[in-house]
Amino acid sequence: GEKIMRQKDLLGVFDSKLLFSPKALTLIEKYGIKPIGEISETPTGHWFVVKSVEVKKSRNGNPYRALKISDEQGASSFVNYFQDEPHQIQQEEIYAAKMHRDNQWMQVTGKMFSLNQ
């Protein structure tokens, strides 16, 4: 955490390898999980840092989470997450999910899982 923040403050970016445990790096390499900055129209696995989480309600009254996310370059994006998850999504933690870009919107097409463990 502190080492990453210091590098980000000095350089404006950080080395994503500082974020991941050896187990997470193995998963990223094994499944080809890409940073969120490389999102495309094809649903594939992407990793990202959750910067903020806000619980909102849809027009139908169903709860969802509005997430502000970023990649290793610090570029922020927004995505709405409609999955009903039993765990809390934590700020400043790294997650991965199957995602794609549909026109101007980013969409999560599966469940998010933490890469912090």
Protein backbone atom coordinates (compact mmCIF):
# COMPACT_ATOMS: atom_id res chain seq x y z
CA GLY A 1 0.00 0.00 0.00
CA GLU A 2 2.45 2.68 1.16
CA LYS A 3 5.14 1.69 -1.39
CA ILE A 4 2.57 1.88 -4.20
CA MET A 5 1.25 5.26 -3.05
CA ARG A 6 4.80 6.67 -2.84
CA GLN A 7 5.59 5.45 -6.37
CA LYS A 8 2.28 6.82 -7.68
CA ASP A 9 2.90 10.20 -6.00
CA LEU A 10 6.40 10.42 -7.48
CA LEU A 11 5.75 9.09 -10.98
CA GLY A 12 1.98 9.43 -11.48
CA VAL A 13 1.79 5.66 -12.17
CA PHE A 14 2.83 2.51 -10.37
CA ASP A 15 4.22 -0.88 -11.31
CA SER A 16 1.24 -3.22 -11.22
CA LYS A 17 3.50 -6.10 -10.15
CA LEU A 18 3.83 -4.33 -6.77
CA LEU A 19 0.10 -4.89 -6.25
CA PHE A 20 -0.10 -8.62 -6.65
CA SER A 21 0.82 -11.56 -4.52
CA PRO A 22 2.68 -14.39 -6.29
CA LYS A 23 -0.62 -16.36 -6.30
CA ALA A 24 -2.48 -13.46 -7.96
CA LEU A 25 0.30 -13.04 -10.56
CA THR A 26 0.02 -16.75 -11.38
CA LEU A 27 -3.77 -16.39 -11.90
CA ILE A 28 -3.33 -13.28 -14.05
CA GLU A 29 -0.80 -15.04 -16.27
CA LYS A 30 -2.67 -18.37 -16.38
CA TYR A 31 -6.01 -16.81 -17.39
CA GLY A 32 -4.69 -13.86 -19.39
CA ILE A 33 -6.34 -11.27 -17.15
CA LYS A 34 -5.61 -7.82 -18.59
CA PRO A 35 -5.68 -4.37 -16.98
CA ILE A 36 -9.00 -2.55 -17.35
CA GLY A 37 -7.32 -0.02 -19.65
CA GLU A 38 -7.22 -2.75 -22.33
CA ILE A 39 -10.98 -3.41 -22.33
CA SER A 40 -12.64 -4.12 -25.70
CA GLU A 41 -15.96 -5.33 -27.09
CA THR A 42 -14.95 -8.96 -26.49
CA PRO A 43 -15.77 -10.20 -22.96
CA THR A 44 -12.49 -11.14 -21.28
CA GLY A 45 -11.00 -11.05 -17.80
CA HIS A 46 -9.75 -7.68 -16.57
CA TRP A 47 -8.26 -6.50 -13.30
CA PHE A 48 -8.83 -3.10 -11.72
CA VAL A 49 -8.55 -1.17 -8.46
CA VAL A 50 -11.85 -0.11 -6.86
CA LYS A 51 -11.55 3.58 -5.94
CA SER A 52 -15.09 4.08 -4.61
CA VAL A 53 -18.31 2.12 -4.10
CA GLU A 54 -21.79 3.61 -3.90
CA VAL A 55 -24.93 1.50 -3.41
CA LYS A 56 -27.79 2.78 -5.57
CA LYS A 57 -31.22 1.55 -6.63
CA SER A 58 -32.34 0.88 -10.19
CA ARG A 59 -35.62 2.21 -11.59
CA ASN A 60 -37.15 -1.12 -10.52
CA GLY A 61 -35.89 -0.65 -6.96
CA ASN A 62 -33.15 -3.29 -7.19
CA PRO A 63 -29.86 -2.42 -5.47
CA TYR A 64 -26.64 -2.24 -7.45
CA ARG A 65 -23.16 -0.86 -6.88
CA ALA A 66 -21.78 2.11 -8.81
CA LEU A 67 -18.02 1.59 -8.89
CA LYS A 68 -15.26 4.03 -9.74
CA ILE A 69 -12.34 1.91 -10.90
CA SER A 70 -8.83 2.55 -12.18
CA ASP A 71 -5.89 0.79 -13.78
CA GLU A 72 -2.14 1.01 -13.16
CA GLN A 73 -1.97 4.28 -15.11
CA GLY A 74 -4.46 5.87 -12.69
CA ALA A 75 -7.08 6.38 -15.41
CA SER A 76 -10.54 6.24 -13.81
CA SER A 77 -13.69 4.71 -15.25
CA PHE A 78 -17.15 3.97 -13.93
CA VAL A 79 -19.05 0.70 -14.05
CA ASN A 80 -22.35 -0.43 -12.55
CA TYR A 81 -22.24 -3.84 -10.90
CA PHE A 82 -25.59 -5.62 -10.67
CA GLN A 83 -24.52 -8.99 -9.23
CA ASP A 84 -25.78 -9.80 -5.76
CA GLU A 85 -22.58 -10.53 -3.88
CA PRO A 86 -22.42 -11.80 -0.30
CA HIS A 87 -19.11 -10.01 0.33
CA GLN A 88 -18.46 -6.31 0.60
CA ILE A 89 -16.54 -4.68 -2.22
CA GLN A 90 -13.66 -2.80 -0.61
CA GLN A 91 -12.13 0.47 -1.77
CA GLU A 92 -8.45 0.43 -2.77
CA GLU A 93 -8.56 -3.32 -3.36
CA ILE A 94 -7.84 -5.17 -6.59
CA TYR A 95 -10.54 -7.20 -8.30
CA ALA A 96 -10.92 -9.12 -11.52
CA ALA A 97 -14.05 -9.82 -13.53
CA LYS A 98 -15.11 -10.79 -17.02
CA MET A 99 -15.93 -7.46 -18.68
CA HIS A 100 -16.43 -5.80 -22.05
CA ARG A 101 -17.22 -2.38 -23.50
CA ASP A 102 -20.65 -2.02 -25.10
CA ASN A 103 -20.80 1.27 -27.03
CA GLN A 104 -19.76 3.80 -24.38
CA TRP A 105 -20.49 1.64 -21.31
CA MET A 106 -18.34 -0.90 -19.52
CA GLN A 107 -20.20 -4.00 -18.47
CA VAL A 108 -19.37 -6.72 -15.96
CA THR A 109 -20.56 -10.04 -17.41
CA GLY A 110 -19.69 -12.20 -14.41
CA LYS A 111 -18.86 -12.07 -10.73
CA MET A 112 -16.00 -10.03 -9.37
CA PHE A 113 -13.29 -11.74 -7.34
CA SER A 114 -10.56 -10.28 -5.18
CA LEU A 115 -6.90 -10.53 -6.19
CA ASN A 116 -5.68 -9.32 -2.79
CA GLN A 117 -5.41 -12.72 -1.14
